[in-house]
Amino acid sequence: MSDSSATPKLGTSERMKALEAELELTRGELAATVDELADRLNPKTQAERAVAEGKRLVADATDPSAAPEARKRARVVLGVAGAVAVLLVTGVVRRIARH
């Protein structure tokens, strides 16, 4: 059986204060989550992150003092990105040539 003194009784001012405090905490957590999602989904923020990641990859690929694993990964990623870019340009040129 539960101890009635541990949980404030429904309708009491203590219970209401506890619920209000819990609600305020939940609102704060929800607001923080919404702010984080808005930041992650912001196109400007995503573009800035992509540019920073690209710069880091180029630096890793060209820096002889970079870790060998990082250098290899950067070269593979840049190679794949270059191949995709060539395929896209080829597709666009072919489409333009048809018209």
PDB file of N, CA and C in Angstrom:
ATOM      1  N   MET A   1       0.831  -1.163   0.000  1.00  0.00           N
ATOM      2  CA  MET A   1       0.000   0.000   0.000  1.00  0.00           C
ATOM      3  C   MET A   1       0.880   1.231   0.000  1.00  0.00           C
ATOM      4  N   SER A   2       0.488   2.281  -0.714  1.00  0.00           N
ATOM      5  CA  SER A   2       1.328   3.467  -0.812  1.00  0.00           C
ATOM      6  C   SER A   2       1.182   4.335   0.412  1.00  0.00           C
ATOM      7  N   ASP A   3       2.230   5.055   0.682  1.00  0.00           N
ATOM      8  CA  ASP A   3       2.261   5.972   1.819  1.00  0.00           C
ATOM      9  C   ASP A   3       1.618   7.283   1.382  1.00  0.00           C
ATOM     10  N   SER A   4       0.494   7.652   1.971  1.00  0.00           N
ATOM     11  CA  SER A   4      -0.236   8.851   1.557  1.00  0.00           C
ATOM     12  C   SER A   4       0.507  10.129   1.930  1.00  0.00           C
ATOM     13  N   SER A   5       1.444  10.059   2.848  1.00  0.00           N
ATOM     14  CA  SER A   5       2.184  11.264   3.226  1.00  0.00           C
ATOM     15  C   SER A   5       3.290  11.581   2.226  1.00  0.00           C
ATOM     16  N   ALA A   6       3.711  10.594   1.402  1.00  0.00           N
ATOM     17  CA  ALA A   6       4.783  10.811   0.441  1.00  0.00           C
ATOM     18  C   ALA A   6       4.286  11.580  -0.784  1.00  0.00           C
ATOM     19  N   THR A   7       3.040  11.360  -1.188  1.00  0.00           N
ATOM     20  CA  THR A   7       2.474  12.035  -2.349  1.00  0.00           C
ATOM     21  C   THR A   7       1.393  12.995  -1.865  1.00  0.00           C
ATOM     22  N   PRO A   8       1.524  14.282  -2.244  1.00  0.00           N
ATOM     23  CA  PRO A   8       0.489  15.226  -1.826  1.00  0.00           C
ATOM     24  C   PRO A   8      -0.860  14.823  -2.398  1.00  0.00           C
ATOM     25  N   LYS A   9      -1.930  15.065  -1.623  1.00  0.00           N
ATOM     26  CA  LYS A   9      -3.276  14.682  -2.057  1.00  0.00           C
ATOM     27  C   LYS A   9      -3.726  15.574  -3.197  1.00  0.00           C
ATOM     28  N   LEU A  10      -4.491  14.956  -4.108  1.00  0.00           N
ATOM     29  CA  LEU A  10      -5.026  15.661  -5.255  1.00  0.00           C
ATOM     30  C   LEU A  10      -5.895  16.822  -4.781  1.00  0.00           C
ATOM     31  N   GLY A  11      -5.694  17.978  -5.382  1.00  0.00           N
ATOM     32  CA  GLY A  11      -6.499  19.142  -5.037  1.00  0.00           C
ATOM     33  C   GLY A  11      -5.876  20.017  -3.972  1.00  0.00           C
ATOM     34  N   THR A  12      -4.826  19.563  -3.329  1.00  0.00           N
ATOM     35  CA  THR A  12      -4.196  20.388  -2.307  1.00  0.00           C
ATOM     36  C   THR A  12      -3.266  21.382  -2.980  1.00  0.00           C
ATOM     37  N   SER A  13      -2.981  22.445  -2.270  1.00  0.00           N
ATOM     38  CA  SER A  13      -2.093  23.460  -2.834  1.00  0.00           C
ATOM     39  C   SER A  13      -0.676  22.906  -3.016  1.00  0.00           C
ATOM     40  N   GLU A  14      -0.250  21.980  -2.168  1.00  0.00           N
ATOM     41  CA  GLU A  14       1.055  21.356  -2.321  1.00  0.00           C
ATOM     42  C   GLU A  14       1.120  20.565  -3.630  1.00  0.00           C
ATOM     43  N   ARG A  15       0.065  19.823  -3.904  1.00  0.00           N
ATOM     44  CA  ARG A  15       0.007  19.024  -5.130  1.00  0.00           C
ATOM     45  C   ARG A  15      -0.009  19.944  -6.358  1.00  0.00           C
ATOM     46  N   MET A  16      -0.750  21.028  -6.265  1.00  0.00           N
ATOM     47  CA  MET A  16      -0.817  21.979  -7.372  1.00  0.00           C
ATOM     48  C   MET A  16       0.548  22.617  -7.618  1.00  0.00           C
ATOM     49  N   LYS A  17       1.239  22.965  -6.554  1.00  0.00           N
ATOM     50  CA  LYS A  17       2.573  23.548  -6.696  1.00  0.00           C
ATOM     51  C   LYS A  17       3.537  22.548  -7.318  1.00  0.00           C
ATOM     52  N   ALA A  18       3.426  21.287  -6.915  1.00  0.00           N
ATOM     53  CA  ALA A  18       4.286  20.249  -7.475  1.00  0.00           C
ATOM     54  C   ALA A  18       3.999  20.062  -8.965  1.00  0.00           C
ATOM     55  N   LEU A  19       2.730  20.050  -9.339  1.00  0.00           N
ATOM     56  CA  LEU A  19       2.361  19.909 -10.742  1.00  0.00           C
ATOM     57  C   LEU A  19       2.817  21.116 -11.561  1.00  0.00           C
ATOM     58  N   GLU A  20       2.683  22.306 -11.011  1.00  0.00           N
ATOM     59  CA  GLU A  20       3.122  23.516 -11.710  1.00  0.00           C
ATOM     60  C   GLU A  20       4.636  23.512 -11.915  1.00  0.00           C
ATOM     61  N   ALA A  21       5.371  23.058 -10.908  1.00  0.00           N
ATOM     62  CA  ALA A  21       6.827  22.985 -11.031  1.00  0.00           C
ATOM     63  C   ALA A  21       7.221  21.958 -12.090  1.00  0.00           C
ATOM     64  N   GLU A  22       6.536  20.822 -12.085  1.00  0.00           N
ATOM     65  CA  GLU A  22       6.821  19.785 -13.082  1.00  0.00           C
ATOM     66  C   GLU A  22       6.475  20.289 -14.491  1.00  0.00           C
ATOM     67  N   LEU A  23       5.365  20.988 -14.610  1.00  0.00           N
ATOM     68  CA  LEU A  23       4.959  21.547 -15.898  1.00  0.00           C
ATOM     69  C   LEU A  23       5.967  22.586 -16.387  1.00  0.00           C
ATOM     70  N   GLU A  24       6.448  23.415 -15.510  1.00  0.00           N
ATOM     71  CA  GLU A  24       7.435  24.433 -15.883  1.00  0.00           C
ATOM     72  C   GLU A  24       8.745  23.782 -16.341  1.00  0.00           C
ATOM     73  N   LEU A  25       9.154  22.736 -15.656  1.00  0.00           N
ATOM     74  CA  LEU A  25      10.354  21.999 -16.047  1.00  0.00           C
ATOM     75  C   LEU A  25      10.171  21.377 -17.433  1.00  0.00           C
ATOM     76  N   THR A  26       9.019  20.771 -17.662  1.00  0.00           N
ATOM     77  CA  THR A  26       8.730  20.153 -18.953  1.00  0.00           C
ATOM     78  C   THR A  26       8.699  21.205 -20.060  1.00  0.00           C
ATOM     79  N   ARG A  27       8.116  22.355 -19.796  1.00  0.00           N
ATOM     80  CA  ARG A  27       8.090  23.440 -20.784  1.00  0.00           C
ATOM     81  C   ARG A  27       9.505  23.885 -21.140  1.00  0.00           C
ATOM     82  N   GLY A  28      10.349  24.001 -20.137  1.00  0.00           N
ATOM     83  CA  GLY A  28      11.736  24.395 -20.380  1.00  0.00           C
ATOM     84  C   GLY A  28      12.471  23.381 -21.242  1.00  0.00           C
ATOM     85  N   GLU A  29      12.279  22.104 -20.952  1.00  0.00           N
ATOM     86  CA  GLU A  29      12.915  21.048 -21.739  1.00  0.00           C
ATOM     87  C   GLU A  29      12.390  21.056 -23.172  1.00  0.00           C
ATOM     88  N   LEU A  30      11.096  21.243 -23.328  1.00  0.00           N
ATOM     89  CA  LEU A  30      10.501  21.288 -24.665  1.00  0.00           C
ATOM     90  C   LEU A  30      11.021  22.485 -25.453  1.00  0.00           C
ATOM     91  N   ALA A  31      11.120  23.626 -24.809  1.00  0.00           N
ATOM     92  CA  ALA A  31      11.632  24.828 -25.480  1.00  0.00           C
ATOM     93  C   ALA A  31      13.076  24.615 -25.934  1.00  0.00           C
ATOM     94  N   ALA A  32      13.887  23.982 -25.093  1.00  0.00           N
ATOM     95  CA  ALA A  32      15.272  23.719 -25.456  1.00  0.00           C
ATOM     96  C   ALA A  32      15.349  22.759 -26.645  1.00  0.00           C
ATOM     97  N   THR A  33      14.493  21.751 -26.658  1.00  0.00           N
ATOM     98  CA  THR A  33      14.465  20.793 -27.757  1.00  0.00           C
ATOM     99  C   THR A  33      14.040  21.469 -29.059  1.00  0.00           C
ATOM    100  N   VAL A  34      13.018  22.309 -28.993  1.00  0.00           N
ATOM    101  CA  VAL A  34      12.547  23.018 -30.188  1.00  0.00           C
ATOM    102  C   VAL A  34      13.635  23.955 -30.708  1.00  0.00           C
ATOM    103  N   ASP A  35      14.316  24.648 -29.814  1.00  0.00           N
ATOM    104  CA  ASP A  35      15.401  25.543 -30.232  1.00  0.00           C
ATOM    105  C   ASP A  35      16.522  24.766 -30.919  1.00  0.00           C
ATOM    106  N   GLU A  36      16.870  23.617 -30.370  1.00  0.00           N
ATOM    107  CA  GLU A  36      17.936  22.800 -30.967  1.00  0.00           C
ATOM    108  C   GLU A  36      17.524  22.289 -32.348  1.00  0.00           C
ATOM    109  N   LEU A  37      16.272  21.842 -32.472  1.00  0.00           N
ATOM    110  CA  LEU A  37      15.789  21.371 -33.771  1.00  0.00           C
ATOM    111  C   LEU A  37      15.757  22.505 -34.790  1.00  0.00           C
ATOM    112  N   ALA A  38      15.316  23.672 -34.376  1.00  0.00           N
ATOM    113  CA  ALA A  38      15.276  24.819 -35.279  1.00  0.00           C
ATOM    114  C   ALA A  38      16.688  25.169 -35.755  1.00  0.00           C
ATOM    115  N   ASP A  39      17.652  25.085 -34.860  1.00  0.00           N
ATOM    116  CA  ASP A  39      19.041  25.373 -35.241  1.00  0.00           C
ATOM    117  C   ASP A  39      19.563  24.321 -36.217  1.00  0.00           C
ATOM    118  N   ARG A  40      19.277  23.055 -35.952  1.00  0.00           N
ATOM    119  CA  ARG A  40      19.762  21.982 -36.826  1.00  0.00           C
ATOM    120  C   ARG A  40      19.130  22.050 -38.213  1.00  0.00           C
ATOM    121  N   LEU A  41      17.870  22.478 -38.285  1.00  0.00           N
ATOM    122  CA  LEU A  41      17.159  22.500 -39.558  1.00  0.00           C
ATOM    123  C   LEU A  41      17.279  23.817 -40.308  1.00  0.00           C
ATOM    124  N   ASN A  42      17.926  24.789 -39.719  1.00  0.00           N
ATOM    125  CA  ASN A  42      18.106  26.084 -40.357  1.00  0.00           C
ATOM    126  C   ASN A  42      19.019  25.926 -41.571  1.00  0.00           C
ATOM    127  N   PRO A  43      18.553  26.302 -42.773  1.00  0.00           N
ATOM    128  CA  PRO A  43      19.381  26.119 -43.973  1.00  0.00           C
ATOM    129  C   PRO A  43      20.721  26.847 -43.902  1.00  0.00           C
ATOM    130  N   LYS A  44      20.740  28.025 -43.321  1.00  0.00           N
ATOM    131  CA  LYS A  44      22.004  28.770 -43.211  1.00  0.00           C
ATOM    132  C   LYS A  44      22.991  28.004 -42.321  1.00  0.00           C
ATOM    133  N   THR A  45      22.509  27.469 -41.224  1.00  0.00           N
ATOM    134  CA  THR A  45      23.367  26.698 -40.319  1.00  0.00           C
ATOM    135  C   THR A  45      23.862  25.435 -41.010  1.00  0.00           C
ATOM    136  N   GLN A  46      22.975  24.759 -41.755  1.00  0.00           N
ATOM    137  CA  GLN A  46      23.385  23.549 -42.465  1.00  0.00           C
ATOM    138  C   GLN A  46      24.449  23.868 -43.514  1.00  0.00           C
ATOM    139  N   ALA A  47      24.281  24.982 -44.218  1.00  0.00           N
ATOM    140  CA  ALA A  47      25.274  25.375 -45.231  1.00  0.00           C
ATOM    141  C   ALA A  47      26.614  25.680 -44.570  1.00  0.00           C
ATOM    142  N   GLU A  48      26.586  26.386 -43.453  1.00  0.00           N
ATOM    143  CA  GLU A  48      27.827  26.709 -42.739  1.00  0.00           C
ATOM    144  C   GLU A  48      28.540  25.439 -42.283  1.00  0.00           C
ATOM    145  N   ARG A  49      27.771  24.472 -41.785  1.00  0.00           N
ATOM    146  CA  ARG A  49      28.365  23.207 -41.354  1.00  0.00           C
ATOM    147  C   ARG A  49      28.964  22.452 -42.539  1.00  0.00           C
ATOM    148  N   ALA A  50      28.256  22.453 -43.675  1.00  0.00           N
ATOM    149  CA  ALA A  50      28.757  21.761 -44.860  1.00  0.00           C
ATOM    150  C   ALA A  50      30.049  22.396 -45.355  1.00  0.00           C
ATOM    151  N   VAL A  51      30.107  23.715 -45.357  1.00  0.00           N
ATOM    152  CA  VAL A  51      31.326  24.416 -45.783  1.00  0.00           C
ATOM    153  C   VAL A  51      32.475  24.092 -44.828  1.00  0.00           C
ATOM    154  N   ALA A  52      32.197  24.132 -43.535  1.00  0.00           N
ATOM    155  CA  ALA A  52      33.240  23.824 -42.547  1.00  0.00           C
ATOM    156  C   ALA A  52      33.735  22.383 -42.711  1.00  0.00           C
ATOM    157  N   GLU A  53      32.802  21.453 -42.949  1.00  0.00           N
ATOM    158  CA  GLU A  53      33.189  20.056 -43.147  1.00  0.00           C
ATOM    159  C   GLU A  53      34.020  19.904 -44.412  1.00  0.00           C
ATOM    160  N   GLY A  54      33.645  20.603 -45.477  1.00  0.00           N
ATOM    161  CA  GLY A  54      34.410  20.559 -46.727  1.00  0.00           C
ATOM    162  C   GLY A  54      35.815  21.092 -46.546  1.00  0.00           C
ATOM    163  N   LYS A  55      35.920  22.204 -45.841  1.00  0.00           N
ATOM    164  CA  LYS A  55      37.249  22.783 -45.583  1.00  0.00           C
ATOM    165  C   LYS A  55      38.105  21.835 -44.756  1.00  0.00           C
ATOM    166  N   ARG A  56      37.475  21.186 -43.786  1.00  0.00           N
ATOM    167  CA  ARG A  56      38.216  20.241 -42.950  1.00  0.00           C
ATOM    168  C   ARG A  56      38.682  19.053 -43.776  1.00  0.00           C
ATOM    169  N   LEU A  57      37.825  18.559 -44.683  1.00  0.00           N
ATOM    170  CA  LEU A  57      38.212  17.431 -45.536  1.00  0.00           C
ATOM    171  C   LEU A  57      39.379  17.797 -46.436  1.00  0.00           C
ATOM    172  N   VAL A  58      39.324  18.985 -47.029  1.00  0.00           N
ATOM    173  CA  VAL A  58      40.422  19.423 -47.896  1.00  0.00           C
ATOM    174  C   VAL A  58      41.710  19.550 -47.085  1.00  0.00           C
ATOM    175  N   ALA A  59      41.588  20.122 -45.894  1.00  0.00           N
ATOM    176  CA  ALA A  59      42.772  20.270 -45.047  1.00  0.00           C
ATOM    177  C   ALA A  59      43.345  18.908 -44.669  1.00  0.00           C
ATOM    178  N   ASP A  60      42.466  17.964 -44.312  1.00  0.00           N
ATOM    179  CA  ASP A  60      42.932  16.615 -43.953  1.00  0.00           C
ATOM    180  C   ASP A  60      43.576  15.912 -45.146  1.00  0.00           C
ATOM    181  N   ALA A  61      43.004  16.109 -46.332  1.00  0.00           N
ATOM    182  CA  ALA A  61      43.516  15.421 -47.522  1.00  0.00           C
ATOM    183  C   ALA A  61      44.872  15.963 -47.954  1.00  0.00           C
ATOM    184  N   THR A  62      45.129  17.247 -47.681  1.00  0.00           N
ATOM    185  CA  THR A  62      46.367  17.863 -48.167  1.00  0.00           C
ATOM    186  C   THR A  62      47.433  18.041 -47.100  1.00  0.00           C
ATOM    187  N   ASP A  63      47.077  17.876 -45.855  1.00  0.00           N
ATOM    188  CA  ASP A  63      48.022  18.101 -44.759  1.00  0.00           C
ATOM    189  C   ASP A  63      48.826  16.831 -44.482  1.00  0.00           C
ATOM    190  N   PRO A  64      50.138  16.859 -44.713  1.00  0.00           N
ATOM    191  CA  PRO A  64      50.943  15.660 -44.460  1.00  0.00           C
ATOM    192  C   PRO A  64      51.020  15.275 -42.982  1.00  0.00           C
ATOM    193  N   SER A  65      50.732  16.231 -42.109  1.00  0.00           N
ATOM    194  CA  SER A  65      50.794  15.910 -40.682  1.00  0.00           C
ATOM    195  C   SER A  65      49.469  15.358 -40.155  1.00  0.00           C
ATOM    196  N   ALA A  66      48.445  15.265 -41.007  1.00  0.00           N
ATOM    197  CA  ALA A  66      47.156  14.704 -40.581  1.00  0.00           C
ATOM    198  C   ALA A  66      47.319  13.207 -40.352  1.00  0.00           C
ATOM    199  N   ALA A  67      46.474  12.674 -39.508  1.00  0.00           N
ATOM    200  CA  ALA A  67      46.504  11.237 -39.246  1.00  0.00           C
ATOM    201  C   ALA A  67      46.240  10.476 -40.546  1.00  0.00           C
ATOM    202  N   PRO A  68      46.934   9.385 -40.760  1.00  0.00           N
ATOM    203  CA  PRO A  68      46.762   8.632 -42.018  1.00  0.00           C
ATOM    204  C   PRO A  68      45.308   8.211 -42.276  1.00  0.00           C
ATOM    205  N   GLU A  69      44.598   7.831 -41.224  1.00  0.00           N
ATOM    206  CA  GLU A  69      43.199   7.427 -41.381  1.00  0.00           C
ATOM    207  C   GLU A  69      42.355   8.604 -41.851  1.00  0.00           C
ATOM    208  N   ALA A  70      42.585   9.773 -41.250  1.00  0.00           N
ATOM    209  CA  ALA A  70      41.834  10.975 -41.620  1.00  0.00           C
ATOM    210  C   ALA A  70      42.163  11.400 -43.041  1.00  0.00           C
ATOM    211  N   ARG A  71      43.423  11.303 -43.402  1.00  0.00           N
ATOM    212  CA  ARG A  71      43.846  11.687 -44.751  1.00  0.00           C
ATOM    213  C   ARG A  71      43.205  10.759 -45.790  1.00  0.00           C
ATOM    214  N   LYS A  72      43.217   9.450 -45.519  1.00  0.00           N
ATOM    215  CA  LYS A  72      42.631   8.491 -46.449  1.00  0.00           C
ATOM    216  C   LYS A  72      41.129   8.705 -46.572  1.00  0.00           C
ATOM    217  N   ARG A  73      40.455   8.876 -45.444  1.00  0.00           N
ATOM    218  CA  ARG A  73      39.005   9.111 -45.453  1.00  0.00           C
ATOM    219  C   ARG A  73      38.673  10.375 -46.232  1.00  0.00           C
ATOM    220  N   ALA A  74      39.428  11.435 -46.008  1.00  0.00           N
ATOM    221  CA  ALA A  74      39.172  12.702 -46.688  1.00  0.00           C
ATOM    222  C   ALA A  74      39.357  12.555 -48.191  1.00  0.00           C
ATOM    223  N   ARG A  75      40.376  11.841 -48.604  1.00  0.00           N
ATOM    224  CA  ARG A  75      40.618  11.655 -50.039  1.00  0.00           C
ATOM    225  C   ARG A  75      39.513  10.822 -50.678  1.00  0.00           C
ATOM    226  N   VAL A  76      39.041   9.804 -49.967  1.00  0.00           N
ATOM    227  CA  VAL A  76      37.948   8.978 -50.502  1.00  0.00           C
ATOM    228  C   VAL A  76      36.678   9.815 -50.623  1.00  0.00           C
ATOM    229  N   VAL A  77      36.338  10.554 -49.591  1.00  0.00           N
ATOM    230  CA  VAL A  77      35.130  11.377 -49.615  1.00  0.00           C
ATOM    231  C   VAL A  77      35.217  12.416 -50.727  1.00  0.00           C
ATOM    232  N   LEU A  78      36.347  13.076 -50.838  1.00  0.00           N
ATOM    233  CA  LEU A  78      36.505  14.089 -51.895  1.00  0.00           C
ATOM    234  C   LEU A  78      36.468  13.447 -53.281  1.00  0.00           C
ATOM    235  N   GLY A  79      37.018  12.270 -53.426  1.00  0.00           N
ATOM    236  CA  GLY A  79      36.966  11.568 -54.706  1.00  0.00           C
ATOM    237  C   GLY A  79      35.543  11.202 -55.097  1.00  0.00           C
ATOM    238  N   VAL A  80      34.798  10.690 -54.139  1.00  0.00           N
ATOM    239  CA  VAL A  80      33.394  10.340 -54.401  1.00  0.00           C
ATOM    240  C   VAL A  80      32.593  11.598 -54.723  1.00  0.00           C
ATOM    241  N   ALA A  81      32.815  12.666 -53.972  1.00  0.00           N
ATOM    242  CA  ALA A  81      32.108  13.923 -54.233  1.00  0.00           C
ATOM    243  C   ALA A  81      32.446  14.445 -55.628  1.00  0.00           C
ATOM    244  N   GLY A  82      33.697  14.337 -56.026  1.00  0.00           N
ATOM    245  CA  GLY A  82      34.097  14.760 -57.365  1.00  0.00           C
ATOM    246  C   GLY A  82      33.427  13.922 -58.443  1.00  0.00           C
ATOM    247  N   ALA A  83      33.354  12.618 -58.236  1.00  0.00           N
ATOM    248  CA  ALA A  83      32.701  11.735 -59.206  1.00  0.00           C
ATOM    249  C   ALA A  83      31.216  12.058 -59.326  1.00  0.00           C
ATOM    250  N   VAL A  84      30.561  12.304 -58.215  1.00  0.00           N
ATOM    251  CA  VAL A  84      29.143  12.679 -58.234  1.00  0.00           C
ATOM    252  C   VAL A  84      28.957  13.994 -58.967  1.00  0.00           C
ATOM    253  N   ALA A  85      29.842  14.947 -58.730  1.00  0.00           N
ATOM    254  CA  ALA A  85      29.752  16.240 -59.415  1.00  0.00           C
ATOM    255  C   ALA A  85      29.906  16.058 -60.922  1.00  0.00           C
ATOM    256  N   VAL A  86      30.832  15.214 -61.353  1.00  0.00           N
ATOM    257  CA  VAL A  86      31.023  14.960 -62.783  1.00  0.00           C
ATOM    258  C   VAL A  86      29.768  14.324 -63.380  1.00  0.00           C
ATOM    259  N   LEU A  87      29.180  13.372 -62.685  1.00  0.00           N
ATOM    260  CA  LEU A  87      27.958  12.729 -63.183  1.00  0.00           C
ATOM    261  C   LEU A  87      26.807  13.737 -63.291  1.00  0.00           C
ATOM    262  N   LEU A  88      26.676  14.604 -62.314  1.00  0.00           N
ATOM    263  CA  LEU A  88      25.621  15.614 -62.362  1.00  0.00           C
ATOM    264  C   LEU A  88      25.824  16.578 -63.518  1.00  0.00           C
ATOM    265  N   VAL A  89      27.035  17.053 -63.693  1.00  0.00           N
ATOM    266  CA  VAL A  89      27.323  17.980 -64.794  1.00  0.00           C
ATOM    267  C   VAL A  89      27.070  17.288 -66.132  1.00  0.00           C
ATOM    268  N   THR A  90      27.486  16.036 -66.268  1.00  0.00           N
ATOM    269  CA  THR A  90      27.253  15.281 -67.496  1.00  0.00           C
ATOM    270  C   THR A  90      25.758  15.161 -67.781  1.00  0.00           C
ATOM    271  N   GLY A  91      24.985  14.851 -66.760  1.00  0.00           N
ATOM    272  CA  GLY A  91      23.536  14.742 -66.929  1.00  0.00           C
ATOM    273  C   GLY A  91      22.905  16.057 -67.349  1.00  0.00           C
ATOM    274  N   VAL A  92      23.336  17.151 -66.758  1.00  0.00           N
ATOM    275  CA  VAL A  92      22.804  18.472 -67.105  1.00  0.00           C
ATOM    276  C   VAL A  92      23.179  18.828 -68.535  1.00  0.00           C
ATOM    277  N   VAL A  93      24.413  18.591 -68.916  1.00  0.00           N
ATOM    278  CA  VAL A  93      24.863  18.905 -70.279  1.00  0.00           C
ATOM    279  C   VAL A  93      24.073  18.078 -71.290  1.00  0.00           C
ATOM    280  N   ARG A  94      23.863  16.801 -71.032  1.00  0.00           N
ATOM    281  CA  ARG A  94      23.084  15.959 -71.947  1.00  0.00           C
ATOM    282  C   ARG A  94      21.649  16.450 -72.070  1.00  0.00           C
ATOM    283  N   ARG A  95      21.064  16.826 -70.954  1.00  0.00           N
ATOM    284  CA  ARG A  95      19.682  17.321 -70.988  1.00  0.00           C
ATOM    285  C   ARG A  95      19.590  18.611 -71.792  1.00  0.00           C
ATOM    286  N   ILE A  96      20.555  19.502 -71.612  1.00  0.00           N
ATOM    287  CA  ILE A  96      20.569  20.757 -72.365  1.00  0.00           C
ATOM    288  C   ILE A  96      20.781  20.468 -73.840  1.00  0.00           C
ATOM    289  N   ALA A  97      21.652  19.520 -74.183  1.00  0.00           N
ATOM    290  CA  ALA A  97      21.953  19.198 -75.572  1.00  0.00           C
ATOM    291  C   ALA A  97      20.732  18.619 -76.290  1.00  0.00           C
ATOM    292  N   ARG A  98      19.847  17.916 -75.583  1.00  0.00           N
ATOM    293  CA  ARG A  98      18.654  17.344 -76.183  1.00  0.00           C
ATOM    294  C   ARG A  98      17.652  18.400 -76.607  1.00  0.00           C
ATOM    295  N   HIS A  99      17.654  19.509 -75.925  1.00  0.00           N
ATOM    296  CA  HIS A  99      16.646  20.545 -76.215  1.00  0.00           C
ATOM    297  C   HIS A  99      17.163  21.503 -77.182  1.00  0.00           C
TER     298      HIS A  99
END
